[in-house]
Amino acid sequence: MPKRKTTQKDQKLRSEWRDKVYDKCNGQCICCFTKKDIQAHHLYSYRDYPEFRYDVNNGVVLCAKCHHAYHELGHGIGIEEFIRWFRKQR
């Protein structure tokens, strides 16, 4: 499936969504609680669930390290299970 071009409206909506997710999570990673190098993560895939793209409840904050670790494990586990796994590793 070819990628569709990102519009200015899409960029604005995504930026607003990200800022709301950051606020919801107090601007810190929900796994390790750092405030450095944070990223907004879609719980339901941005690509596969367009109806949830800009729903603040479909987002959490992860730092780059935790975000990478989550994607390395695959999307087969839920975020809650990932958090439990991550905290056991510490």
N, C-alpha and C. Protein backbone atom coordinates (compact mmCIF):
# COMPACT_ATOMS: atom_id res chain seq x y z
N MET A 1 0.85 -1.17 0.00
CA MET A 1 0.00 0.00 0.00
C MET A 1 0.90 1.25 0.00
N PRO A 2 0.73 2.14 -0.97
CA PRO A 2 1.56 3.34 -1.02
C PRO A 2 1.22 4.29 0.12
N LYS A 3 2.27 4.99 0.58
CA LYS A 3 2.05 5.97 1.64
C LYS A 3 1.30 7.16 1.07
N ARG A 4 0.37 7.67 1.87
CA ARG A 4 -0.30 8.88 1.41
C ARG A 4 0.48 10.08 1.91
N LYS A 5 0.37 11.17 1.20
CA LYS A 5 1.10 12.38 1.54
C LYS A 5 0.54 12.98 2.83
N THR A 6 1.43 13.37 3.74
CA THR A 6 1.01 14.02 4.97
C THR A 6 0.67 15.48 4.67
N THR A 7 -0.51 15.89 5.07
CA THR A 7 -0.95 17.26 4.83
C THR A 7 -0.61 18.13 6.03
N GLN A 8 -0.72 19.44 5.85
CA GLN A 8 -0.49 20.36 6.97
C GLN A 8 -1.53 20.12 8.05
N LYS A 9 -2.76 19.79 7.65
CA LYS A 9 -3.81 19.50 8.62
C LYS A 9 -3.43 18.27 9.46
N ASP A 10 -2.92 17.21 8.78
CA ASP A 10 -2.48 16.01 9.50
C ASP A 10 -1.37 16.36 10.50
N GLN A 11 -0.41 17.16 10.06
CA GLN A 11 0.70 17.54 10.93
C GLN A 11 0.20 18.31 12.15
N LYS A 12 -0.74 19.21 11.92
CA LYS A 12 -1.30 20.00 13.03
C LYS A 12 -2.05 19.10 14.01
N LEU A 13 -2.89 18.21 13.49
CA LEU A 13 -3.65 17.30 14.35
C LEU A 13 -2.72 16.38 15.14
N ARG A 14 -1.67 15.88 14.49
CA ARG A 14 -0.74 14.99 15.17
C ARG A 14 0.04 15.73 16.25
N SER A 15 0.43 16.96 15.97
CA SER A 15 1.14 17.78 16.95
C SER A 15 0.25 18.09 18.16
N GLU A 16 -1.00 18.42 17.90
CA GLU A 16 -1.95 18.69 19.00
C GLU A 16 -2.18 17.41 19.81
N TRP A 17 -2.32 16.27 19.13
CA TRP A 17 -2.51 14.99 19.82
C TRP A 17 -1.31 14.70 20.71
N ARG A 18 -0.11 14.86 20.15
CA ARG A 18 1.12 14.60 20.91
C ARG A 18 1.17 15.46 22.17
N ASP A 19 0.89 16.74 22.04
CA ASP A 19 0.93 17.64 23.19
C ASP A 19 -0.08 17.23 24.26
N LYS A 20 -1.26 16.79 23.84
CA LYS A 20 -2.28 16.34 24.80
C LYS A 20 -1.84 15.06 25.50
N VAL A 21 -1.21 14.16 24.75
CA VAL A 21 -0.71 12.91 25.35
C VAL A 21 0.40 13.23 26.36
N TYR A 22 1.30 14.14 26.00
CA TYR A 22 2.36 14.55 26.93
C TYR A 22 1.74 15.10 28.22
N ASP A 23 0.72 15.94 28.08
CA ASP A 23 0.06 16.50 29.27
C ASP A 23 -0.58 15.39 30.11
N LYS A 24 -1.27 14.48 29.44
CA LYS A 24 -1.96 13.37 30.13
C LYS A 24 -0.98 12.55 30.96
N CYS A 25 0.24 12.37 30.44
CA CYS A 25 1.24 11.53 31.11
C CYS A 25 2.27 12.37 31.89
N ASN A 26 1.93 13.62 32.14
CA ASN A 26 2.82 14.51 32.89
C ASN A 26 4.20 14.65 32.27
N GLY A 27 4.27 14.49 30.96
CA GLY A 27 5.53 14.70 30.25
C GLY A 27 6.64 13.74 30.64
N GLN A 28 6.24 12.52 31.06
CA GLN A 28 7.26 11.54 31.44
C GLN A 28 6.90 10.16 30.92
N CYS A 29 7.93 9.36 30.72
CA CYS A 29 7.76 7.98 30.25
C CYS A 29 6.95 7.19 31.28
N ILE A 30 5.96 6.47 30.81
CA ILE A 30 5.13 5.70 31.74
C ILE A 30 5.83 4.45 32.27
N CYS A 31 6.97 4.09 31.69
CA CYS A 31 7.73 2.92 32.15
C CYS A 31 8.81 3.30 33.16
N CYS A 32 9.70 4.20 32.75
CA CYS A 32 10.87 4.50 33.59
C CYS A 32 10.81 5.89 34.22
N PHE A 33 9.77 6.64 33.89
CA PHE A 33 9.47 7.94 34.49
C PHE A 33 10.44 9.06 34.12
N THR A 34 11.32 8.83 33.14
CA THR A 34 12.21 9.90 32.72
C THR A 34 11.42 10.95 31.94
N LYS A 35 11.94 12.16 31.93
CA LYS A 35 11.35 13.23 31.13
C LYS A 35 12.24 13.56 29.93
N LYS A 36 13.29 12.78 29.75
CA LYS A 36 14.24 13.02 28.67
C LYS A 36 13.87 12.20 27.45
N ASP A 37 14.01 12.81 26.28
CA ASP A 37 13.84 12.12 24.99
C ASP A 37 12.51 11.38 24.90
N ILE A 38 11.41 12.07 25.28
CA ILE A 38 10.10 11.41 25.29
C ILE A 38 9.45 11.46 23.91
N GLN A 39 8.58 10.47 23.70
CA GLN A 39 7.86 10.33 22.44
C GLN A 39 6.44 9.87 22.74
N ALA A 40 5.50 10.31 21.94
CA ALA A 40 4.12 9.83 22.07
C ALA A 40 3.99 8.53 21.27
N HIS A 41 3.35 7.56 21.88
CA HIS A 41 3.17 6.24 21.25
C HIS A 41 1.69 5.95 21.11
N HIS A 42 1.27 5.53 19.93
CA HIS A 42 -0.11 5.12 19.68
C HIS A 42 -0.31 3.69 20.20
N LEU A 43 -1.29 3.48 21.05
CA LEU A 43 -1.60 2.14 21.54
C LEU A 43 -2.20 1.30 20.42
N TYR A 44 -3.13 1.88 19.68
CA TYR A 44 -3.65 1.25 18.47
C TYR A 44 -2.94 1.93 17.30
N SER A 45 -2.37 1.15 16.45
CA SER A 45 -1.54 1.61 15.35
C SER A 45 -2.13 2.80 14.58
N TYR A 46 -1.29 3.80 14.35
CA TYR A 46 -1.67 4.97 13.57
C TYR A 46 -2.13 4.55 12.18
N ARG A 47 -1.43 3.62 11.59
CA ARG A 47 -1.74 3.16 10.24
C ARG A 47 -3.02 2.32 10.19
N ASP A 48 -3.14 1.38 11.12
CA ASP A 48 -4.23 0.39 11.06
C ASP A 48 -5.55 0.85 11.67
N TYR A 49 -5.51 1.86 12.51
CA TYR A 49 -6.72 2.32 13.20
C TYR A 49 -6.89 3.83 13.02
N PRO A 50 -7.19 4.29 11.81
CA PRO A 50 -7.30 5.73 11.58
C PRO A 50 -8.35 6.40 12.46
N GLU A 51 -9.35 5.64 12.89
CA GLU A 51 -10.40 6.23 13.74
C GLU A 51 -9.88 6.61 15.13
N PHE A 52 -8.72 6.08 15.52
CA PHE A 52 -8.15 6.38 16.85
C PHE A 52 -6.90 7.26 16.77
N ARG A 53 -6.54 7.71 15.58
CA ARG A 53 -5.28 8.45 15.39
C ARG A 53 -5.12 9.62 16.34
N TYR A 54 -6.17 10.39 16.50
CA TYR A 54 -6.05 11.62 17.28
C TYR A 54 -6.83 11.57 18.58
N ASP A 55 -7.14 10.37 19.03
CA ASP A 55 -7.81 10.17 20.31
C ASP A 55 -6.75 10.13 21.40
N VAL A 56 -6.80 11.08 22.32
CA VAL A 56 -5.79 11.17 23.37
C VAL A 56 -5.72 9.90 24.21
N ASN A 57 -6.83 9.17 24.31
CA ASN A 57 -6.84 7.91 25.06
C ASN A 57 -6.10 6.80 24.34
N ASN A 58 -5.73 7.03 23.09
CA ASN A 58 -4.97 6.06 22.31
C ASN A 58 -3.48 6.39 22.34
N GLY A 59 -3.05 7.16 23.31
CA GLY A 59 -1.64 7.51 23.37
C GLY A 59 -1.06 7.44 24.76
N VAL A 60 0.21 7.12 24.81
CA VAL A 60 0.99 7.15 26.06
C VAL A 60 2.36 7.73 25.72
N VAL A 61 3.08 8.11 26.75
CA VAL A 61 4.42 8.65 26.56
C VAL A 61 5.45 7.58 26.93
N LEU A 62 6.39 7.38 26.02
CA LEU A 62 7.52 6.50 26.26
C LEU A 62 8.79 7.28 25.92
N CYS A 63 9.86 7.03 26.64
CA CYS A 63 11.14 7.61 26.23
C CYS A 63 11.63 6.81 25.02
N ALA A 64 12.61 7.33 24.32
CA ALA A 64 13.09 6.65 23.11
C ALA A 64 13.55 5.23 23.42
N LYS A 65 14.23 5.04 24.55
CA LYS A 65 14.74 3.71 24.90
C LYS A 65 13.59 2.72 25.14
N CYS A 66 12.59 3.13 25.91
CA CYS A 66 11.45 2.25 26.18
C CYS A 66 10.60 2.04 24.92
N HIS A 67 10.48 3.08 24.11
CA HIS A 67 9.71 2.97 22.87
C HIS A 67 10.36 1.94 21.94
N HIS A 68 11.66 2.01 21.83
CA HIS A 68 12.39 1.04 21.00
C HIS A 68 12.22 -0.38 21.56
N ALA A 69 12.35 -0.52 22.87
CA ALA A 69 12.21 -1.83 23.51
C ALA A 69 10.81 -2.40 23.26
N TYR A 70 9.80 -1.55 23.34
CA TYR A 70 8.43 -2.01 23.11
C TYR A 70 8.27 -2.55 21.68
N HIS A 71 8.78 -1.81 20.72
CA HIS A 71 8.65 -2.25 19.34
C HIS A 71 9.52 -3.47 19.04
N GLU A 72 10.62 -3.64 19.75
CA GLU A 72 11.45 -4.84 19.59
C GLU A 72 10.68 -6.08 20.04
N LEU A 73 9.87 -5.95 21.07
CA LEU A 73 9.06 -7.07 21.56
C LEU A 73 7.89 -7.36 20.63
N GLY A 74 7.54 -6.40 19.83
CA GLY A 74 6.42 -6.55 18.91
C GLY A 74 5.14 -6.03 19.53
N HIS A 75 4.16 -5.87 18.69
CA HIS A 75 2.88 -5.33 19.14
C HIS A 75 1.98 -6.42 19.70
N GLY A 76 2.50 -7.62 19.85
CA GLY A 76 1.68 -8.73 20.33
C GLY A 76 1.29 -8.61 21.79
N ILE A 77 2.01 -7.78 22.54
CA ILE A 77 1.67 -7.63 23.95
C ILE A 77 1.09 -6.24 24.17
N GLY A 78 0.25 -6.13 25.15
CA GLY A 78 -0.33 -4.83 25.48
C GLY A 78 0.67 -3.99 26.27
N ILE A 79 0.38 -2.72 26.34
CA ILE A 79 1.29 -1.80 27.02
C ILE A 79 1.41 -2.13 28.51
N GLU A 80 0.33 -2.57 29.14
CA GLU A 80 0.39 -2.91 30.57
C GLU A 80 1.34 -4.08 30.81
N GLU A 81 1.24 -5.09 29.95
CA GLU A 81 2.13 -6.25 30.05
C GLU A 81 3.58 -5.83 29.81
N PHE A 82 3.79 -4.94 28.86
CA PHE A 82 5.14 -4.44 28.60
C PHE A 82 5.70 -3.71 29.82
N ILE A 83 4.89 -2.89 30.45
CA ILE A 83 5.36 -2.15 31.63
C ILE A 83 5.76 -3.12 32.73
N ARG A 84 4.95 -4.14 32.96
CA ARG A 84 5.30 -5.15 33.98
C ARG A 84 6.62 -5.83 33.62
N TRP A 85 6.77 -6.23 32.37
CA TRP A 85 8.03 -6.86 31.91
C TRP A 85 9.19 -5.91 32.10
N PHE A 86 9.03 -4.68 31.67
CA PHE A 86 10.11 -3.69 31.74
C PHE A 86 10.56 -3.47 33.18
N ARG A 87 9.63 -3.33 34.08
CA ARG A 87 9.99 -3.03 35.48
C ARG A 87 10.65 -4.24 36.17
N LYS A 88 10.34 -5.44 35.73
CA LYS A 88 11.02 -6.62 36.26
C LYS A 88 12.48 -6.67 35.82
N GLN A 89 12.79 -6.06 34.67
CA GLN A 89 14.15 -6.08 34.13
C GLN A 89 15.08 -5.12 34.90
N ARG A 90 14.54 -4.20 35.62
CA ARG A 90 15.34 -3.17 36.29
C ARG A 90 15.99 -3.64 37.53
